[in-house]
PDB file of N, CA and C in Angstrom:
ATOM      1  N   MET A   1       0.750  -1.348   0.008  1.00  0.00           N
ATOM      2  CA  MET A   1      -0.169   0.116   0.007  1.00  0.00           C
ATOM      3  C   MET A   1       1.044   0.894   0.079  1.00  0.00           C
ATOM      4  N   LEU A   2       0.410   2.170  -0.968  1.00  0.00           N
ATOM      5  CA  LEU A   2       1.262   3.590  -1.082  1.00  0.00           C
ATOM      6  C   LEU A   2       0.538   4.374  -0.275  1.00  0.00           C
ATOM      7  N   ARG A   3       0.901   5.691   0.038  1.00  0.00           N
ATOM      8  CA  ARG A   3       0.360   6.747   0.640  1.00  0.00           C
ATOM      9  C   ARG A   3       0.703   8.029  -0.310  1.00  0.00           C
ATOM     10  N   TYR A   4      -0.511   8.994  -0.781  1.00  0.00           N
ATOM     11  CA  TYR A   4      -0.316  10.068  -1.362  1.00  0.00           C
ATOM     12  C   TYR A   4      -0.788  10.998  -0.690  1.00  0.00           C
ATOM     13  N   LEU A   5      -0.233  12.297  -0.650  1.00  0.00           N
ATOM     14  CA  LEU A   5      -0.709  13.497  -0.335  1.00  0.00           C
ATOM     15  C   LEU A   5      -1.137  14.494  -1.279  1.00  0.00           C
ATOM     16  N   ILE A   6      -2.287  15.009  -1.278  1.00  0.00           N
ATOM     17  CA  ILE A   6      -2.219  16.244  -2.449  1.00  0.00           C
ATOM     18  C   ILE A   6      -2.807  17.200  -1.664  1.00  0.00           C
ATOM     19  N   ILE A   7      -2.227  18.478  -2.105  1.00  0.00           N
ATOM     20  CA  ILE A   7      -2.278  19.688  -1.334  1.00  0.00           C
ATOM     21  C   ILE A   7      -2.663  20.651  -2.382  1.00  0.00           C
ATOM     22  N   ALA A   8      -3.959  21.117  -2.370  1.00  0.00           N
ATOM     23  CA  ALA A   8      -4.737  21.941  -2.910  1.00  0.00           C
ATOM     24  C   ALA A   8      -5.124  23.523  -2.651  1.00  0.00           C
ATOM     25  N   PRO A   9      -5.039  24.444  -3.564  1.00  0.00           N
ATOM     26  CA  PRO A   9      -5.153  25.848  -3.122  1.00  0.00           C
ATOM     27  C   PRO A   9      -6.500  26.172  -2.380  1.00  0.00           C
ATOM     28  N   HIS A  10      -7.421  25.597  -3.255  1.00  0.00           N
ATOM     29  CA  HIS A  10      -8.906  26.113  -2.868  1.00  0.00           C
ATOM     30  C   HIS A  10      -9.873  24.407  -3.127  1.00  0.00           C
ATOM     31  N   ALA A  11     -10.920  24.614  -2.144  1.00  0.00           N
ATOM     32  CA  ALA A  11     -11.528  23.464  -2.127  1.00  0.00           C
ATOM     33  C   ALA A  11     -12.267  23.480  -3.935  1.00  0.00           C
ATOM     34  N   ASP A  12     -11.960  22.184  -4.532  1.00  0.00           N
ATOM     35  CA  ASP A  12     -12.460  21.436  -5.674  1.00  0.00           C
ATOM     36  C   ASP A  12     -11.010  21.580  -6.660  1.00  0.00           C
ATOM     37  N   ASP A  13     -10.267  22.221  -6.566  1.00  0.00           N
ATOM     38  CA  ASP A  13      -8.790  21.940  -6.951  1.00  0.00           C
ATOM     39  C   ASP A  13      -8.367  20.513  -7.106  1.00  0.00           C
ATOM     40  N   GLU A  14      -8.496  20.086  -5.918  1.00  0.00           N
ATOM     41  CA  GLU A  14      -8.019  18.671  -6.067  1.00  0.00           C
ATOM     42  C   GLU A  14      -8.833  17.620  -6.369  1.00  0.00           C
ATOM     43  N   LEU A  15      -9.833  18.025  -7.092  1.00  0.00           N
ATOM     44  CA  LEU A  15     -11.004  16.883  -7.787  1.00  0.00           C
ATOM     45  C   LEU A  15     -10.488  17.434  -9.301  1.00  0.00           C
ATOM     46  N   LEU A  16     -10.585  18.588  -9.492  1.00  0.00           N
ATOM     47  CA  LEU A  16     -10.486  19.083 -11.043  1.00  0.00           C
ATOM     48  C   LEU A  16      -9.079  18.688 -11.754  1.00  0.00           C
ATOM     49  N   GLY A  17      -8.027  18.784 -10.616  1.00  0.00           N
ATOM     50  CA  GLY A  17      -6.639  18.752 -10.865  1.00  0.00           C
ATOM     51  C   GLY A  17      -6.348  17.018 -10.785  1.00  0.00           C
ATOM     52  N   VAL A  18      -6.716  16.334 -10.077  1.00  0.00           N
ATOM     53  CA  VAL A  18      -5.940  15.072 -10.086  1.00  0.00           C
ATOM     54  C   VAL A  18      -6.998  13.903  -8.986  1.00  0.00           C
ATOM     55  N   GLY A  19      -8.284  14.273  -9.352  1.00  0.00           N
ATOM     56  CA  GLY A  19      -9.417  13.686  -8.797  1.00  0.00           C
ATOM     57  C   GLY A  19      -9.395  11.980  -9.325  1.00  0.00           C
ATOM     58  N   GLY A  20      -9.294  12.090 -10.525  1.00  0.00           N
ATOM     59  CA  GLY A  20      -9.311  10.883 -11.387  1.00  0.00           C
ATOM     60  C   GLY A  20      -8.120   9.996 -10.754  1.00  0.00           C
ATOM     61  N   THR A  21      -6.963  10.333 -10.975  1.00  0.00           N
ATOM     62  CA  THR A  21      -5.838   9.701 -10.197  1.00  0.00           C
ATOM     63  C   THR A  21      -5.987   9.051  -9.108  1.00  0.00           C
ATOM     64  N   ALA A  22      -6.632  10.019  -8.005  1.00  0.00           N
ATOM     65  CA  ALA A  22      -6.723   9.843  -6.706  1.00  0.00           C
ATOM     66  C   ALA A  22      -7.742   8.731  -6.447  1.00  0.00           C
ATOM     67  N   ARG A  23      -8.687   8.995  -7.424  1.00  0.00           N
ATOM     68  CA  ARG A  23     -10.051   7.711  -7.112  1.00  0.00           C
ATOM     69  C   ARG A  23      -9.180   6.363  -7.678  1.00  0.00           C
ATOM     70  N   LYS A  24      -8.496   6.321  -8.575  1.00  0.00           N
ATOM     71  CA  LYS A  24      -7.677   5.154  -9.193  1.00  0.00           C
ATOM     72  C   LYS A  24      -6.752   4.565  -8.158  1.00  0.00           C
ATOM     73  N   TYR A  25      -6.019   5.478  -7.256  1.00  0.00           N
ATOM     74  CA  TYR A  25      -5.271   5.066  -6.237  1.00  0.00           C
ATOM     75  C   TYR A  25      -6.121   4.334  -4.886  1.00  0.00           C
ATOM     76  N   ILE A  26      -6.972   5.039  -4.656  1.00  0.00           N
ATOM     77  CA  ILE A  26      -7.940   4.646  -3.599  1.00  0.00           C
ATOM     78  C   ILE A  26      -8.485   3.425  -3.764  1.00  0.00           C
ATOM     79  N   ASP A  27      -9.157   3.009  -5.070  1.00  0.00           N
ATOM     80  CA  ASP A  27      -9.601   1.835  -5.517  1.00  0.00           C
ATOM     81  C   ASP A  27      -8.807   0.799  -5.721  1.00  0.00           C
ATOM     82  N   ALA A  28      -7.462   1.185  -5.870  1.00  0.00           N
ATOM     83  CA  ALA A  28      -6.286   0.048  -5.718  1.00  0.00           C
ATOM     84  C   ALA A  28      -5.948  -0.381  -4.107  1.00  0.00           C
ATOM     85  N   GLY A  29      -6.615   0.395  -3.475  1.00  0.00           N
ATOM     86  CA  GLY A  29      -6.046  -0.007  -1.902  1.00  0.00           C
ATOM     87  C   GLY A  29      -5.145   0.848  -1.153  1.00  0.00           C
ATOM     88  N   ASP A  30      -4.722   2.230  -1.898  1.00  0.00           N
ATOM     89  CA  ASP A  30      -3.570   3.231  -1.478  1.00  0.00           C
ATOM     90  C   ASP A  30      -4.599   4.282  -0.787  1.00  0.00           C
ATOM     91  N   GLU A  31      -4.033   4.915  -0.210  1.00  0.00           N
ATOM     92  CA  GLU A  31      -4.214   5.967   0.897  1.00  0.00           C
ATOM     93  C   GLU A  31      -4.031   7.078   0.241  1.00  0.00           C
ATOM     94  N   VAL A  32      -4.975   8.045   0.179  1.00  0.00           N
ATOM     95  CA  VAL A  32      -4.606   9.068  -0.322  1.00  0.00           C
ATOM     96  C   VAL A  32      -5.418  10.362   0.536  1.00  0.00           C
ATOM     97  N   HIS A  33      -4.468  11.074   0.917  1.00  0.00           N
ATOM     98  CA  HIS A  33      -4.819  12.411   2.035  1.00  0.00           C
ATOM     99  C   HIS A  33      -4.866  13.558   1.280  1.00  0.00           C
ATOM    100  N   ILE A  34      -5.381  14.522   1.774  1.00  0.00           N
ATOM    101  CA  ILE A  34      -5.630  15.871   1.076  1.00  0.00           C
ATOM    102  C   ILE A  34      -5.284  16.866   2.093  1.00  0.00           C
ATOM    103  N   ILE A  35      -4.989  18.136   1.861  1.00  0.00           N
ATOM    104  CA  ILE A  35      -4.965  19.365   2.511  1.00  0.00           C
ATOM    105  C   ILE A  35      -5.631  20.516   1.525  1.00  0.00           C
ATOM    106  N   ILE A  36      -6.906  21.126   2.050  1.00  0.00           N
ATOM    107  CA  ILE A  36      -7.278  22.271   1.268  1.00  0.00           C
ATOM    108  C   ILE A  36      -6.382  23.347   1.956  1.00  0.00           C
ATOM    109  N   CYS A  37      -6.131  24.115   1.381  1.00  0.00           N
ATOM    110  CA  CYS A  37      -5.257  25.544   1.823  1.00  0.00           C
ATOM    111  C   CYS A  37      -6.277  26.569   2.202  1.00  0.00           C
ATOM    112  N   GLY A  38      -7.417  26.865   1.706  1.00  0.00           N
ATOM    113  CA  GLY A  38      -8.053  27.890   1.422  1.00  0.00           C
ATOM    114  C   GLY A  38      -9.284  27.864   1.420  1.00  0.00           C
ATOM    115  N   VAL A  39     -10.301  28.287   1.583  1.00  0.00           N
ATOM    116  CA  VAL A  39     -11.500  28.263   1.481  1.00  0.00           C
ATOM    117  C   VAL A  39     -12.348  29.690   0.756  1.00  0.00           C
ATOM    118  N   ARG A  40     -13.231  29.628   0.070  1.00  0.00           N
ATOM    119  CA  ARG A  40     -13.682  31.181  -0.303  1.00  0.00           C
ATOM    120  C   ARG A  40     -15.165  31.392   0.738  1.00  0.00           C
ATOM    121  N   LYS A  41     -15.105  32.796   0.999  1.00  0.00           N
ATOM    122  CA  LYS A  41     -16.245  32.953   1.693  1.00  0.00           C
ATOM    123  C   LYS A  41     -17.704  32.078   1.468  1.00  0.00           C
ATOM    124  N   ASN A  42     -17.621  31.925   0.046  1.00  0.00           N
ATOM    125  CA  ASN A  42     -19.280  31.360  -0.182  1.00  0.00           C
ATOM    126  C   ASN A  42     -19.266  29.927  -0.355  1.00  0.00           C
ATOM    127  N   ASP A  43     -18.100  29.466  -0.257  1.00  0.00           N
ATOM    128  CA  ASP A  43     -17.950  27.777   0.074  1.00  0.00           C
ATOM    129  C   ASP A  43     -18.788  27.040   1.102  1.00  0.00           C
ATOM    130  N   ASP A  44     -19.370  26.046   0.598  1.00  0.00           N
ATOM    131  CA  ASP A  44     -20.564  25.258   1.629  1.00  0.00           C
ATOM    132  C   ASP A  44     -19.863  24.215   2.072  1.00  0.00           C
ATOM    133  N   SER A  45     -19.430  24.017   3.189  1.00  0.00           N
ATOM    134  CA  SER A  45     -18.685  23.183   3.817  1.00  0.00           C
ATOM    135  C   SER A  45     -19.365  21.659   3.912  1.00  0.00           C
ATOM    136  N   ARG A  46     -20.851  21.802   3.736  1.00  0.00           N
ATOM    137  CA  ARG A  46     -21.318  20.550   3.175  1.00  0.00           C
ATOM    138  C   ARG A  46     -21.080  20.085   2.036  1.00  0.00           C
ATOM    139  N   GLN A  47     -21.023  20.758   1.023  1.00  0.00           N
ATOM    140  CA  GLN A  47     -20.676  20.362  -0.382  1.00  0.00           C
ATOM    141  C   GLN A  47     -19.160  19.968  -0.110  1.00  0.00           C
ATOM    142  N   ILE A  48     -18.365  20.451   0.457  1.00  0.00           N
ATOM    143  CA  ILE A  48     -16.841  20.252   0.266  1.00  0.00           C
ATOM    144  C   ILE A  48     -16.630  18.658   1.235  1.00  0.00           C
ATOM    145  N   THR A  49     -17.526  18.494   2.182  1.00  0.00           N
ATOM    146  CA  THR A  49     -17.534  17.337   2.771  1.00  0.00           C
ATOM    147  C   THR A  49     -18.014  16.074   2.105  1.00  0.00           C
ATOM    148  N   LYS A  50     -19.043  16.508   1.215  1.00  0.00           N
ATOM    149  CA  LYS A  50     -19.569  15.582   0.388  1.00  0.00           C
ATOM    150  C   LYS A  50     -18.752  15.138  -0.675  1.00  0.00           C
ATOM    151  N   ALA A  51     -18.113  16.057  -1.374  1.00  0.00           N
ATOM    152  CA  ALA A  51     -17.198  15.848  -2.512  1.00  0.00           C
ATOM    153  C   ALA A  51     -15.962  15.245  -2.201  1.00  0.00           C
ATOM    154  N   THR A  52     -15.470  15.455  -0.799  1.00  0.00           N
ATOM    155  CA  THR A  52     -13.974  14.700  -0.632  1.00  0.00           C
ATOM    156  C   THR A  52     -14.242  13.572   0.508  1.00  0.00           C
ATOM    157  N   ASN A  53     -15.768  12.894   0.763  1.00  0.00           N
ATOM    158  CA  ASN A  53     -15.551  11.952   1.727  1.00  0.00           C
ATOM    159  C   ASN A  53     -14.835  10.868   1.124  1.00  0.00           C
ATOM    160  N   TRP A  54     -14.448  10.648   0.037  1.00  0.00           N
ATOM    161  CA  TRP A  54     -13.825   9.193  -0.276  1.00  0.00           C
ATOM    162  C   TRP A  54     -12.299   9.484   0.006  1.00  0.00           C
ATOM    163  N   PHE A  55     -11.681  10.565   0.118  1.00  0.00           N
ATOM    164  CA  PHE A  55     -10.122  10.333   0.587  1.00  0.00           C
ATOM    165  C   PHE A  55     -10.371   9.923   1.984  1.00  0.00           C
ATOM    166  N   THR A  56      -8.993   9.170   1.997  1.00  0.00           N
ATOM    167  CA  THR A  56      -8.513   9.050   3.386  1.00  0.00           C
ATOM    168  C   THR A  56      -8.783   9.552   4.443  1.00  0.00           C
ATOM    169  N   SER A  57      -8.085  11.091   4.147  1.00  0.00           N
ATOM    170  CA  SER A  57      -8.210  12.207   5.292  1.00  0.00           C
ATOM    171  C   SER A  57      -8.347  13.494   4.538  1.00  0.00           C
ATOM    172  N   VAL A  58      -8.810  14.375   5.111  1.00  0.00           N
ATOM    173  CA  VAL A  58      -9.025  15.577   4.506  1.00  0.00           C
ATOM    174  C   VAL A  58      -8.972  16.692   5.889  1.00  0.00           C
ATOM    175  N   HIS A  59      -7.981  17.390   5.679  1.00  0.00           N
ATOM    176  CA  HIS A  59      -7.684  18.510   6.322  1.00  0.00           C
ATOM    177  C   HIS A  59      -7.955  19.844   5.769  1.00  0.00           C
ATOM    178  N   ILE A  60      -8.674  20.748   5.936  1.00  0.00           N
ATOM    179  CA  ILE A  60      -8.678  22.163   5.854  1.00  0.00           C
ATOM    180  C   ILE A  60      -8.037  23.298   6.340  1.00  0.00           C
ATOM    181  N   LEU A  61      -7.060  23.865   5.904  1.00  0.00           N
ATOM    182  CA  LEU A  61      -6.507  25.046   6.795  1.00  0.00           C
ATOM    183  C   LEU A  61      -7.175  26.134   6.926  1.00  0.00           C
ATOM    184  N   PRO A  62      -7.390  27.054   8.061  1.00  0.00           N
ATOM    185  CA  PRO A  62      -8.471  28.204   8.484  1.00  0.00           C
ATOM    186  C   PRO A  62      -7.678  29.389   7.264  1.00  0.00           C
ATOM    187  N   PHE A  63      -7.439  29.445   6.297  1.00  0.00           N
ATOM    188  CA  PHE A  63      -7.012  30.534   5.574  1.00  0.00           C
ATOM    189  C   PHE A  63      -8.625  30.587   4.722  1.00  0.00           C
ATOM    190  N   GLU A  64      -8.769  32.204   4.458  1.00  0.00           N
ATOM    191  CA  GLU A  64      -9.527  32.642   3.441  1.00  0.00           C
ATOM    192  C   GLU A  64      -9.138  32.921   2.416  1.00  0.00           C
ATOM    193  N   ASP A  65      -9.687  32.689   1.272  1.00  0.00           N
ATOM    194  CA  ASP A  65      -9.225  33.084  -0.047  1.00  0.00           C
ATOM    195  C   ASP A  65      -9.836  34.184  -0.381  1.00  0.00           C
ATOM    196  N   GLU A  66      -8.746  35.286  -0.641  1.00  0.00           N
ATOM    197  CA  GLU A  66      -9.416  36.562  -0.961  1.00  0.00           C
ATOM    198  C   GLU A  66      -8.924  36.846  -2.506  1.00  0.00           C
ATOM    199  N   SER A  67      -8.558  35.968  -3.250  1.00  0.00           N
ATOM    200  CA  SER A  67      -8.012  36.169  -4.815  1.00  0.00           C
ATOM    201  C   SER A  67      -9.005  36.863  -5.336  1.00  0.00           C
ATOM    202  N   TYR A  68     -10.362  36.352  -5.355  1.00  0.00           N
ATOM    203  CA  TYR A  68     -11.589  36.880  -6.374  1.00  0.00           C
ATOM    204  C   TYR A  68     -11.738  37.998  -5.828  1.00  0.00           C
ATOM    205  N   ASN A  69     -11.763  38.571  -4.534  1.00  0.00           N
ATOM    206  CA  ASN A  69     -11.903  39.890  -4.125  1.00  0.00           C
ATOM    207  C   ASN A  69     -10.693  41.087  -4.921  1.00  0.00           C
ATOM    208  N   ILE A  70      -9.534  40.485  -4.956  1.00  0.00           N
ATOM    209  CA  ILE A  70      -8.391  41.007  -5.444  1.00  0.00           C
ATOM    210  C   ILE A  70      -8.627  41.643  -6.812  1.00  0.00           C
ATOM    211  N   VAL A  71      -9.006  40.557  -7.366  1.00  0.00           N
ATOM    212  CA  VAL A  71      -9.226  40.525  -8.969  1.00  0.00           C
ATOM    213  C   VAL A  71     -10.710  41.555  -9.375  1.00  0.00           C
ATOM    214  N   LYS A  72     -11.553  41.271  -8.521  1.00  0.00           N
ATOM    215  CA  LYS A  72     -12.612  41.980  -8.810  1.00  0.00           C
ATOM    216  C   LYS A  72     -12.454  43.579  -8.211  1.00  0.00           C
ATOM    217  N   ASN A  73     -11.665  43.806  -7.170  1.00  0.00           N
ATOM    218  CA  ASN A  73     -11.302  45.275  -6.623  1.00  0.00           C
ATOM    219  C   ASN A  73     -10.477  46.096  -7.130  1.00  0.00           C
ATOM    220  N   LYS A  74      -9.591  45.514  -7.666  1.00  0.00           N
ATOM    221  CA  LYS A  74      -8.048  46.089  -8.161  1.00  0.00           C
ATOM    222  C   LYS A  74      -8.034  45.745  -9.505  1.00  0.00           C
ATOM    223  N   LEU A  75      -7.930  44.722 -10.019  1.00  0.00           N
ATOM    224  CA  LEU A  75      -7.509  44.501 -11.456  1.00  0.00           C
ATOM    225  C   LEU A  75      -8.820  44.881 -12.250  1.00  0.00           C
ATOM    226  N   LEU A  76      -9.911  44.543 -12.222  1.00  0.00           N
ATOM    227  CA  LEU A  76     -10.946  44.749 -12.980  1.00  0.00           C
ATOM    228  C   LEU A  76     -11.429  46.253 -12.851  1.00  0.00           C
ATOM    229  N   LYS A  77     -10.862  47.134 -11.754  1.00  0.00           N
ATOM    230  CA  LYS A  77     -11.367  48.462 -11.994  1.00  0.00           C
ATOM    231  C   LYS A  77     -10.405  49.319 -13.096  1.00  0.00           C
ATOM    232  N   ASN A  78      -9.194  48.656 -13.271  1.00  0.00           N
ATOM    233  CA  ASN A  78      -8.167  49.281 -14.006  1.00  0.00           C
ATOM    234  C   ASN A  78      -8.203  48.699 -15.450  1.00  0.00           C
ATOM    235  N   VAL A  79      -9.353  47.810 -15.865  1.00  0.00           N
ATOM    236  CA  VAL A  79      -9.694  47.369 -17.439  1.00  0.00           C
ATOM    237  C   VAL A  79     -10.482  48.364 -18.014  1.00  0.00           C
ATOM    238  N   LYS A  80      -9.983  48.828 -19.182  1.00  0.00           N
ATOM    239  CA  LYS A  80     -10.825  49.502 -19.990  1.00  0.00           C
ATOM    240  C   LYS A  80     -11.659  48.618 -20.886  1.00  0.00           C
ATOM    241  N   ILE A  81     -12.847  49.077 -21.012  1.00  0.00           N
ATOM    242  CA  ILE A  81     -14.022  48.345 -21.853  1.00  0.00           C
ATOM    243  C   ILE A  81     -14.108  49.130 -23.149  1.00  0.00           C
ATOM    244  N   TYR A  82     -14.015  48.148 -24.046  1.00  0.00           N
ATOM    245  CA  TYR A  82     -14.115  49.072 -25.505  1.00  0.00           C
ATOM    246  C   TYR A  82     -15.393  48.191 -25.995  1.00  0.00           C
ATOM    247  N   ILE A  83     -16.180  48.829 -26.638  1.00  0.00           N
ATOM    248  CA  ILE A  83     -17.202  48.102 -27.479  1.00  0.00           C
ATOM    249  C   ILE A  83     -17.293  48.652 -28.681  1.00  0.00           C
ATOM    250  N   ILE A  84     -17.223  47.401 -29.544  1.00  0.00           N
ATOM    251  CA  ILE A  84     -16.918  47.804 -31.155  1.00  0.00           C
ATOM    252  C   ILE A  84     -18.298  47.559 -31.840  1.00  0.00           C
ATOM    253  N   ILE A  85     -18.754  48.288 -32.516  1.00  0.00           N
ATOM    254  CA  ILE A  85     -19.985  48.163 -32.998  1.00  0.00           C
ATOM    255  C   ILE A  85     -19.966  48.280 -34.838  1.00  0.00           C
TER     256      ILE A  85
END
């Protein structure tokens, strides 16, 4: 039996990135542990639990992801929109 550790920046990155491979290892009897580094304000903890309950263990670090607010508040305010008709 082998042990694997997946470190994901946000909830859902572990599934979108390596979910199929992780499932293959679990089905083969290996352990797959996951660390989710941050959650978004609107993430539903029940959905995260449901989506990750097949991993051997899940650890969610208590960091809040602010990247979307940074993009919305800083970057998008500096983008000029051109309408071409």
